[in-house]
Amino acid sequence: MQHGKVIAYASRQLNPYEVNYPTHDLVLEAVVFALKIWRHYLYGESCDVFTDHKSPKYIFTQRELNMRQTRWLELLKDYDTNIQYHPGKANIVADALSRKSGMIAGRCSHVCIKVFDLSAGQD
């Protein structure tokens, strides 16, 4: 988001092995996917990640992680991210895109990344 408006969307299909991931891993995978796609914009910048699940907020405080989560955590540490919970019902724009009728519940995730331009207004 920039100035409160969405500037880009991204999506992809799950790989066959990802279909069996638990929901909290799918949400974290969506965050990692977004960071990889927009890494050239986000690296070195402060960004907020809004998700409709609370579980990614607590990834940094977990004591035991599997190898996949450990790998994702290492990637997340490379970025200055702040993961925030944003209720799904309050996210009307992403709701219309990600919650189509007929889709399997729990298999659709969305990520909204908000990048703050710290140099704006310093002219």
Protein backbone atom coordinates (compact mmCIF):
# COMPACT_ATOMS: atom_id res chain seq x y z
CA MET A 1 0.00 0.00 0.00
CA GLN A 2 1.14 3.48 -0.70
CA HIS A 3 -0.78 6.47 0.62
CA GLY A 4 -3.48 4.05 1.75
CA LYS A 5 -3.97 2.56 -1.73
CA VAL A 6 -2.96 -0.87 -3.00
CA ILE A 7 -0.36 -0.67 -5.77
CA ALA A 8 0.12 -4.36 -6.61
CA TYR A 9 -1.40 -7.79 -6.10
CA ALA A 10 0.23 -11.18 -6.44
CA SER A 11 -1.05 -14.72 -6.33
CA ARG A 12 -0.03 -18.21 -7.28
CA GLN A 13 -1.33 -21.75 -7.10
CA LEU A 14 -0.18 -24.05 -4.34
CA ASN A 15 2.26 -26.79 -5.25
CA PRO A 16 0.93 -30.33 -4.67
CA TYR A 17 2.99 -30.74 -1.49
CA GLU A 18 1.88 -27.34 -0.13
CA VAL A 19 -1.77 -28.40 -0.12
CA ASN A 20 -1.03 -30.44 3.01
CA TYR A 21 0.60 -27.54 4.91
CA PRO A 22 -1.23 -26.34 8.03
CA THR A 23 -2.98 -22.98 7.71
CA HIS A 24 -0.38 -21.09 9.76
CA ASP A 25 2.37 -22.34 7.42
CA LEU A 26 0.36 -21.31 4.35
CA VAL A 27 0.01 -17.80 5.71
CA LEU A 28 3.72 -17.60 6.43
CA GLU A 29 4.45 -18.99 2.96
CA ALA A 30 2.34 -16.16 1.49
CA VAL A 31 4.39 -13.59 3.42
CA VAL A 32 7.66 -15.14 2.22
CA PHE A 33 6.31 -15.30 -1.36
CA ALA A 34 5.47 -11.58 -1.28
CA LEU A 35 8.87 -10.66 0.16
CA LYS A 36 10.64 -12.65 -2.55
CA ILE A 37 8.62 -11.06 -5.36
CA TRP A 38 9.09 -7.49 -4.18
CA ARG A 39 12.53 -7.89 -2.61
CA HIS A 40 14.07 -5.22 -4.85
CA TYR A 41 11.56 -2.69 -3.44
CA LEU A 42 11.52 -3.92 0.16
CA TYR A 43 15.15 -4.70 0.94
CA GLY A 44 16.50 -1.99 3.20
CA GLU A 45 13.05 -0.42 3.69
CA SER A 46 10.73 -0.67 6.65
CA CYS A 47 7.51 -2.44 5.74
CA ASP A 48 4.37 -3.56 7.50
CA VAL A 49 2.84 -6.91 6.61
CA PHE A 50 -0.89 -7.16 7.28
CA THR A 51 -2.40 -10.63 7.46
CA ASP A 52 -5.79 -11.96 8.49
CA HIS A 53 -4.23 -14.64 10.73
CA LYS A 54 -2.61 -14.04 14.10
CA SER A 55 -0.16 -16.95 13.88
CA PRO A 56 2.63 -15.26 11.83
CA LYS A 57 2.98 -12.57 14.50
CA TYR A 58 4.33 -15.17 16.91
CA ILE A 59 6.87 -16.91 14.65
CA PHE A 60 9.74 -14.96 16.22
CA THR A 61 8.89 -16.17 19.74
CA GLN A 62 8.45 -19.89 18.98
CA ARG A 63 10.88 -22.25 20.67
CA GLU A 64 10.55 -25.18 18.29
CA LEU A 65 10.35 -24.73 14.55
CA ASN A 66 10.56 -27.23 11.74
CA MET A 67 13.21 -26.82 9.03
CA ARG A 68 10.84 -25.06 6.64
CA GLN A 69 9.81 -22.52 9.28
CA THR A 70 13.45 -21.99 10.28
CA ARG A 71 14.35 -21.25 6.65
CA TRP A 72 11.48 -18.78 6.38
CA LEU A 73 12.44 -17.13 9.65
CA GLU A 74 15.98 -16.57 8.37
CA LEU A 75 14.56 -14.91 5.26
CA LEU A 76 12.21 -12.73 7.35
CA LYS A 77 15.14 -11.54 9.47
CA ASP A 78 16.77 -10.10 6.34
CA TYR A 79 13.90 -7.61 6.01
CA ASP A 80 12.73 -4.86 8.33
CA THR A 81 9.18 -6.20 8.61
CA ASN A 82 6.47 -5.69 11.16
CA ILE A 83 3.80 -8.39 10.92
CA GLN A 84 0.41 -7.11 12.02
CA TYR A 85 -2.96 -8.79 12.40
CA HIS A 86 -5.74 -7.21 10.34
CA PRO A 87 -9.15 -8.93 10.67
CA GLY A 88 -10.33 -10.48 7.42
CA LYS A 89 -13.77 -8.90 7.61
CA ALA A 90 -12.21 -5.45 7.86
CA ASN A 91 -10.11 -6.00 4.72
CA ILE A 92 -12.81 -5.44 2.12
CA VAL A 93 -10.56 -5.04 -0.94
CA ALA A 94 -8.60 -8.24 -0.44
CA ASP A 95 -11.78 -9.96 0.71
CA ALA A 96 -13.35 -9.50 -2.71
CA LEU A 97 -10.28 -10.96 -4.44
CA SER A 98 -9.41 -13.84 -2.18
CA ARG A 99 -12.74 -15.11 -0.90
CA LYS A 100 -14.53 -16.20 -4.06
CA SER A 101 -17.52 -18.43 -3.64
CA GLY A 102 -16.76 -22.10 -4.19
CA MET A 103 -13.18 -21.92 -2.93
CA ILE A 104 -11.97 -24.28 -0.23
CA ALA A 105 -12.05 -22.54 3.14
CA GLY A 106 -8.66 -22.08 4.77
CA ARG A 107 -6.70 -22.45 1.54
CA CYS A 108 -6.83 -18.84 0.47
CA SER A 109 -4.47 -16.31 2.01
CA HIS A 110 -3.72 -12.72 1.23
CA VAL A 111 -0.96 -10.40 2.21
CA CYS A 112 -0.99 -6.64 2.13
CA ILE A 113 2.45 -5.09 2.34
CA LYS A 114 2.67 -1.43 3.21
CA VAL A 115 5.99 0.27 2.47
CA PHE A 116 6.79 3.60 4.04
CA ASP A 117 8.90 6.02 2.02
CA LEU A 118 11.05 7.65 4.68
CA SER A 119 12.63 10.11 2.25
CA ALA A 120 9.31 11.71 1.23
CA GLY A 121 8.90 15.21 2.59
CA GLN A 122 12.59 15.70 3.37
CA ASP A 123 13.25 17.94 0.37
